[in-house]
Amino acid sequence: MDPVKRIVLRLKLRKTEGTIVHHNALLSRSIKDSKLVAGYALCMNQACWHCWVEGPDGTKYDVTREIVPFEYSTEVPEGYQQMSHELIDKNIELFKLYTDDRKQFWKDAPKSVRDFK
């Protein structure tokens, strides 16, 4: 089964809390030699900060990709307006914590994320 579909089903089944950063970090754990990447989701001339998982071969995986189709970019392209909302700053901080101190990231994660197997 596709690793994204498998994780999404398990997240829903277990009603796992957390943010997109937590959920994609869990996805990254399940894909060998993958990494969590930050950038922007592009849709209808809008660019929203986002993170996703890249496999060792460059394949992009994302738990939200199953919900809304969009393109990925590591920067805001010309002609796109950067979106903002209250959760973006929190997600950016979580991503920074994940990249700087994974041990603390997992320690601070909601219980349902920490216990996710």
N, C-alpha and C. Protein backbone atom coordinates (compact mmCIF):
# COMPACT_ATOMS: atom_id res chain seq x y z
N MET A 1 0.85 -1.18 0.00
CA MET A 1 0.00 0.00 0.00
C MET A 1 0.89 1.24 0.00
N ASP A 2 0.43 2.27 -0.66
CA ASP A 2 1.11 3.56 -0.71
C ASP A 2 1.37 4.05 0.71
N PRO A 3 2.62 4.46 1.04
CA PRO A 3 2.92 4.87 2.42
C PRO A 3 2.09 6.06 2.90
N VAL A 4 1.74 6.97 2.00
CA VAL A 4 0.94 8.13 2.39
C VAL A 4 -0.48 7.69 2.76
N LYS A 5 -1.09 6.89 1.92
CA LYS A 5 -2.45 6.43 2.20
C LYS A 5 -2.49 5.63 3.50
N ARG A 6 -1.47 4.83 3.71
CA ARG A 6 -1.40 4.02 4.93
C ARG A 6 -1.34 4.91 6.18
N ILE A 7 -0.46 5.91 6.16
CA ILE A 7 -0.33 6.81 7.31
C ILE A 7 -1.62 7.61 7.50
N VAL A 8 -2.19 8.14 6.41
CA VAL A 8 -3.42 8.94 6.52
C VAL A 8 -4.54 8.11 7.15
N LEU A 9 -4.69 6.87 6.71
CA LEU A 9 -5.73 6.01 7.29
C LEU A 9 -5.48 5.78 8.77
N ARG A 10 -4.23 5.52 9.13
CA ARG A 10 -3.89 5.27 10.54
C ARG A 10 -4.07 6.53 11.38
N LEU A 11 -3.72 7.70 10.83
CA LEU A 11 -3.91 8.96 11.56
C LEU A 11 -5.40 9.19 11.85
N LYS A 12 -6.23 8.93 10.84
CA LYS A 12 -7.67 9.11 11.01
C LYS A 12 -8.24 8.09 12.00
N LEU A 13 -7.85 6.85 11.84
CA LEU A 13 -8.35 5.78 12.69
C LEU A 13 -8.02 6.04 14.15
N ARG A 14 -6.81 6.51 14.41
CA ARG A 14 -6.37 6.76 15.79
C ARG A 14 -6.66 8.18 16.27
N LYS A 15 -7.30 8.98 15.40
CA LYS A 15 -7.63 10.37 15.74
C LYS A 15 -6.40 11.09 16.30
N THR A 16 -5.31 10.97 15.57
CA THR A 16 -4.02 11.52 16.00
C THR A 16 -4.05 13.04 15.93
N GLU A 17 -3.67 13.67 17.03
CA GLU A 17 -3.61 15.12 17.11
C GLU A 17 -2.35 15.60 16.39
N GLY A 18 -2.08 16.90 16.50
CA GLY A 18 -0.86 17.46 15.94
C GLY A 18 -1.11 18.28 14.70
N THR A 19 -0.02 18.78 14.15
CA THR A 19 -0.07 19.66 12.98
C THR A 19 0.47 18.92 11.76
N ILE A 20 0.50 19.63 10.65
CA ILE A 20 1.07 19.07 9.42
C ILE A 20 2.53 18.68 9.64
N VAL A 21 3.23 19.41 10.47
CA VAL A 21 4.63 19.09 10.75
C VAL A 21 4.71 17.75 11.47
N HIS A 22 3.86 17.56 12.49
CA HIS A 22 3.85 16.29 13.22
C HIS A 22 3.50 15.12 12.29
N HIS A 23 2.48 15.30 11.49
CA HIS A 23 2.01 14.21 10.64
C HIS A 23 3.02 13.85 9.56
N ASN A 24 3.64 14.86 8.94
CA ASN A 24 4.65 14.55 7.94
C ASN A 24 5.93 14.02 8.59
N ALA A 25 6.23 14.41 9.83
CA ALA A 25 7.37 13.84 10.54
C ALA A 25 7.14 12.35 10.79
N LEU A 26 5.89 11.99 11.13
CA LEU A 26 5.56 10.57 11.29
C LEU A 26 5.71 9.83 9.96
N LEU A 27 5.28 10.47 8.88
CA LEU A 27 5.43 9.87 7.55
C LEU A 27 6.91 9.68 7.22
N SER A 28 7.72 10.66 7.54
CA SER A 28 9.15 10.57 7.28
C SER A 28 9.78 9.40 8.03
N ARG A 29 9.30 9.15 9.23
CA ARG A 29 9.80 7.99 10.01
C ARG A 29 9.55 6.67 9.29
N SER A 30 8.45 6.63 8.53
CA SER A 30 8.06 5.36 7.90
C SER A 30 8.70 5.14 6.53
N ILE A 31 9.38 6.15 5.99
CA ILE A 31 10.02 6.03 4.68
C ILE A 31 11.53 6.10 4.89
N LYS A 32 12.19 5.02 4.64
CA LYS A 32 13.63 4.92 4.89
C LYS A 32 14.41 5.99 4.11
N ASP A 33 15.37 6.62 4.79
CA ASP A 33 16.27 7.62 4.20
C ASP A 33 15.55 8.84 3.64
N SER A 34 14.36 9.14 4.15
CA SER A 34 13.63 10.32 3.68
C SER A 34 13.95 11.50 4.59
N LYS A 35 13.54 12.70 4.16
CA LYS A 35 13.76 13.89 4.98
C LYS A 35 12.55 14.80 4.87
N LEU A 36 12.34 15.57 5.95
CA LEU A 36 11.28 16.55 5.99
C LEU A 36 11.81 17.83 5.36
N VAL A 37 11.05 18.41 4.42
CA VAL A 37 11.48 19.59 3.67
C VAL A 37 10.44 20.69 3.84
N ALA A 38 10.90 21.93 3.97
CA ALA A 38 9.98 23.07 4.08
C ALA A 38 10.00 23.86 2.78
N GLY A 39 8.88 24.45 2.47
CA GLY A 39 8.75 25.29 1.28
C GLY A 39 7.35 25.85 1.22
N TYR A 40 6.78 25.85 0.03
CA TYR A 40 5.46 26.43 -0.17
C TYR A 40 4.58 25.51 -1.00
N ALA A 41 3.31 25.46 -0.66
CA ALA A 41 2.30 24.79 -1.47
C ALA A 41 1.70 25.86 -2.37
N LEU A 42 1.68 25.60 -3.67
CA LEU A 42 1.20 26.57 -4.64
C LEU A 42 -0.14 26.13 -5.21
N CYS A 43 -1.12 27.02 -5.13
CA CYS A 43 -2.44 26.71 -5.65
C CYS A 43 -3.15 28.03 -5.98
N MET A 44 -3.62 28.18 -7.20
CA MET A 44 -4.38 29.35 -7.63
C MET A 44 -3.69 30.66 -7.28
N ASN A 45 -2.45 30.82 -7.71
CA ASN A 45 -1.65 32.04 -7.48
C ASN A 45 -1.46 32.38 -6.01
N GLN A 46 -1.60 31.41 -5.14
CA GLN A 46 -1.36 31.58 -3.71
C GLN A 46 -0.21 30.65 -3.31
N ALA A 47 0.63 31.12 -2.41
CA ALA A 47 1.73 30.31 -1.88
C ALA A 47 1.60 30.27 -0.37
N CYS A 48 1.47 29.08 0.18
CA CYS A 48 1.30 28.92 1.62
C CYS A 48 2.48 28.09 2.15
N TRP A 49 3.11 28.55 3.25
CA TRP A 49 4.20 27.79 3.83
C TRP A 49 3.71 26.38 4.10
N HIS A 50 4.56 25.41 3.82
CA HIS A 50 4.16 24.01 3.94
C HIS A 50 5.41 23.16 4.14
N CYS A 51 5.24 21.95 4.59
CA CYS A 51 6.35 21.00 4.64
C CYS A 51 5.87 19.67 4.08
N TRP A 52 6.80 18.89 3.57
CA TRP A 52 6.50 17.59 2.98
C TRP A 52 7.71 16.70 3.18
N VAL A 53 7.60 15.47 2.75
CA VAL A 53 8.66 14.48 2.89
C VAL A 53 9.23 14.19 1.51
N GLU A 54 10.54 14.16 1.41
CA GLU A 54 11.19 13.74 0.17
C GLU A 54 11.92 12.43 0.41
N GLY A 55 11.64 11.47 -0.47
CA GLY A 55 12.30 10.19 -0.40
C GLY A 55 13.72 10.29 -0.95
N PRO A 56 14.52 9.23 -0.79
CA PRO A 56 15.91 9.27 -1.27
C PRO A 56 16.02 9.46 -2.78
N ASP A 57 14.97 9.12 -3.52
CA ASP A 57 14.98 9.28 -4.98
C ASP A 57 14.35 10.60 -5.42
N GLY A 58 13.99 11.47 -4.46
CA GLY A 58 13.40 12.77 -4.79
C GLY A 58 11.88 12.78 -4.86
N THR A 59 11.25 11.61 -4.67
CA THR A 59 9.79 11.54 -4.67
C THR A 59 9.24 12.34 -3.50
N LYS A 60 8.19 13.12 -3.75
CA LYS A 60 7.56 13.93 -2.71
C LYS A 60 6.36 13.18 -2.14
N TYR A 61 6.30 13.14 -0.81
CA TYR A 61 5.20 12.52 -0.09
C TYR A 61 4.62 13.56 0.86
N ASP A 62 3.30 13.54 1.04
CA ASP A 62 2.66 14.55 1.88
C ASP A 62 1.29 14.04 2.32
N VAL A 63 1.03 14.10 3.62
CA VAL A 63 -0.25 13.61 4.11
C VAL A 63 -1.42 14.47 3.62
N THR A 64 -1.21 15.75 3.35
CA THR A 64 -2.31 16.60 2.88
C THR A 64 -2.52 16.50 1.37
N ARG A 65 -1.61 15.91 0.67
CA ARG A 65 -1.74 15.79 -0.79
C ARG A 65 -2.98 15.00 -1.17
N GLU A 66 -3.41 14.13 -0.28
CA GLU A 66 -4.61 13.33 -0.53
C GLU A 66 -5.87 14.19 -0.46
N ILE A 67 -5.78 15.35 0.19
CA ILE A 67 -6.96 16.20 0.40
C ILE A 67 -7.08 17.26 -0.69
N VAL A 68 -5.99 18.00 -0.93
CA VAL A 68 -6.00 19.12 -1.87
C VAL A 68 -4.80 18.99 -2.81
N PRO A 69 -5.04 18.97 -4.14
CA PRO A 69 -3.90 18.91 -5.06
C PRO A 69 -3.22 20.27 -5.20
N PHE A 70 -1.90 20.29 -5.15
CA PHE A 70 -1.13 21.51 -5.34
C PHE A 70 0.27 21.17 -5.76
N GLU A 71 1.04 22.16 -6.16
CA GLU A 71 2.44 22.00 -6.54
C GLU A 71 3.31 22.42 -5.36
N TYR A 72 4.57 22.01 -5.40
CA TYR A 72 5.51 22.35 -4.35
C TYR A 72 6.59 23.29 -4.87
N SER A 73 7.08 24.17 -4.00
CA SER A 73 8.18 25.07 -4.35
C SER A 73 8.93 25.40 -3.07
N THR A 74 10.24 25.56 -3.18
CA THR A 74 11.03 25.92 -2.00
C THR A 74 11.05 27.44 -1.78
N GLU A 75 10.50 28.19 -2.71
CA GLU A 75 10.39 29.65 -2.54
C GLU A 75 9.11 30.13 -3.21
N VAL A 76 8.70 31.35 -2.89
CA VAL A 76 7.49 31.91 -3.48
C VAL A 76 7.81 32.39 -4.89
N PRO A 77 7.20 31.78 -5.92
CA PRO A 77 7.47 32.20 -7.29
C PRO A 77 6.89 33.59 -7.59
N GLU A 78 7.44 34.22 -8.58
CA GLU A 78 6.94 35.53 -9.02
C GLU A 78 5.49 35.38 -9.46
N GLY A 79 4.67 36.33 -9.06
CA GLY A 79 3.26 36.30 -9.43
C GLY A 79 2.38 35.60 -8.41
N TYR A 80 2.97 35.00 -7.38
CA TYR A 80 2.21 34.33 -6.34
C TYR A 80 2.17 35.20 -5.09
N GLN A 81 1.05 35.21 -4.43
CA GLN A 81 0.90 35.97 -3.19
C GLN A 81 1.06 34.99 -2.02
N GLN A 82 1.93 35.34 -1.08
CA GLN A 82 2.15 34.47 0.07
C GLN A 82 0.99 34.57 1.04
N MET A 83 0.41 33.45 1.38
CA MET A 83 -0.71 33.41 2.31
C MET A 83 -0.20 33.47 3.74
N SER A 84 -1.06 33.90 4.62
CA SER A 84 -0.71 33.87 6.04
C SER A 84 -1.95 33.53 6.85
N HIS A 85 -1.74 32.81 7.92
CA HIS A 85 -2.79 32.54 8.90
C HIS A 85 -2.11 32.20 10.22
N GLU A 86 -2.90 32.12 11.27
CA GLU A 86 -2.34 32.02 12.61
C GLU A 86 -1.50 30.76 12.86
N LEU A 87 -1.73 29.69 12.13
CA LEU A 87 -0.98 28.46 12.38
C LEU A 87 0.37 28.40 11.67
N ILE A 88 0.57 29.25 10.68
CA ILE A 88 1.82 29.19 9.92
C ILE A 88 3.03 29.43 10.81
N ASP A 89 2.99 30.45 11.65
CA ASP A 89 4.13 30.73 12.54
C ASP A 89 4.42 29.55 13.46
N LYS A 90 3.37 28.94 13.99
CA LYS A 90 3.55 27.77 14.86
C LYS A 90 4.18 26.62 14.08
N ASN A 91 3.70 26.39 12.86
CA ASN A 91 4.25 25.30 12.06
C ASN A 91 5.70 25.55 11.68
N ILE A 92 6.04 26.80 11.38
CA ILE A 92 7.43 27.14 11.06
C ILE A 92 8.33 26.88 12.27
N GLU A 93 7.85 27.25 13.47
CA GLU A 93 8.61 26.99 14.69
C GLU A 93 8.77 25.49 14.93
N LEU A 94 7.70 24.72 14.70
CA LEU A 94 7.78 23.27 14.86
C LEU A 94 8.77 22.66 13.88
N PHE A 95 8.75 23.13 12.64
CA PHE A 95 9.69 22.62 11.64
C PHE A 95 11.12 22.93 12.07
N LYS A 96 11.37 24.13 12.55
CA LYS A 96 12.70 24.52 13.01
C LYS A 96 13.13 23.64 14.18
N LEU A 97 12.22 23.38 15.12
CA LEU A 97 12.53 22.50 16.24
C LEU A 97 12.84 21.09 15.74
N TYR A 98 12.07 20.61 14.77
CA TYR A 98 12.31 19.28 14.20
C TYR A 98 13.70 19.19 13.59
N THR A 99 14.10 20.22 12.86
CA THR A 99 15.41 20.17 12.19
C THR A 99 16.56 20.42 13.17
N ASP A 100 16.32 21.22 14.22
CA ASP A 100 17.38 21.55 15.17
C ASP A 100 17.51 20.56 16.32
N ASP A 101 16.38 20.03 16.81
CA ASP A 101 16.40 19.19 18.00
C ASP A 101 15.24 18.19 17.95
N ARG A 102 15.44 17.12 17.20
CA ARG A 102 14.37 16.13 17.02
C ARG A 102 13.91 15.52 18.34
N LYS A 103 14.85 15.31 19.24
CA LYS A 103 14.50 14.72 20.53
C LYS A 103 13.47 15.60 21.25
N GLN A 104 13.71 16.90 21.27
CA GLN A 104 12.78 17.83 21.92
C GLN A 104 11.47 17.91 21.14
N PHE A 105 11.55 17.87 19.80
CA PHE A 105 10.34 17.89 18.96
C PHE A 105 9.41 16.75 19.36
N TRP A 106 9.94 15.54 19.42
CA TRP A 106 9.11 14.38 19.76
C TRP A 106 8.64 14.46 21.21
N LYS A 107 9.47 14.98 22.10
CA LYS A 107 9.10 15.12 23.51
C LYS A 107 7.94 16.09 23.67
N ASP A 108 7.93 17.18 22.91
CA ASP A 108 6.90 18.20 23.00
C ASP A 108 5.63 17.86 22.20
N ALA A 109 5.69 16.85 21.36
CA ALA A 109 4.55 16.49 20.51
C ALA A 109 3.37 16.01 21.37
N PRO A 110 2.14 16.16 20.86
CA PRO A 110 0.98 15.64 21.58
C PRO A 110 1.14 14.14 21.83
N LYS A 111 0.53 13.66 22.90
CA LYS A 111 0.65 12.25 23.30
C LYS A 111 0.28 11.30 22.17
N SER A 112 -0.78 11.62 21.43
CA SER A 112 -1.20 10.72 20.35
C SER A 112 -0.16 10.64 19.24
N VAL A 113 0.63 11.68 19.07
CA VAL A 113 1.72 11.66 18.08
C VAL A 113 2.88 10.86 18.63
N ARG A 114 3.26 11.09 19.89
CA ARG A 114 4.38 10.35 20.52
C ARG A 114 4.10 8.86 20.54
N ASP A 115 2.86 8.47 20.78
CA ASP A 115 2.52 7.06 20.91
C ASP A 115 2.20 6.39 19.58
N PHE A 116 2.20 7.13 18.49
CA PHE A 116 1.85 6.59 17.18
C PHE A 116 2.90 5.58 16.73
N LYS A 117 2.46 4.41 16.38
CA LYS A 117 3.36 3.33 15.92
C LYS A 117 3.04 2.96 14.50
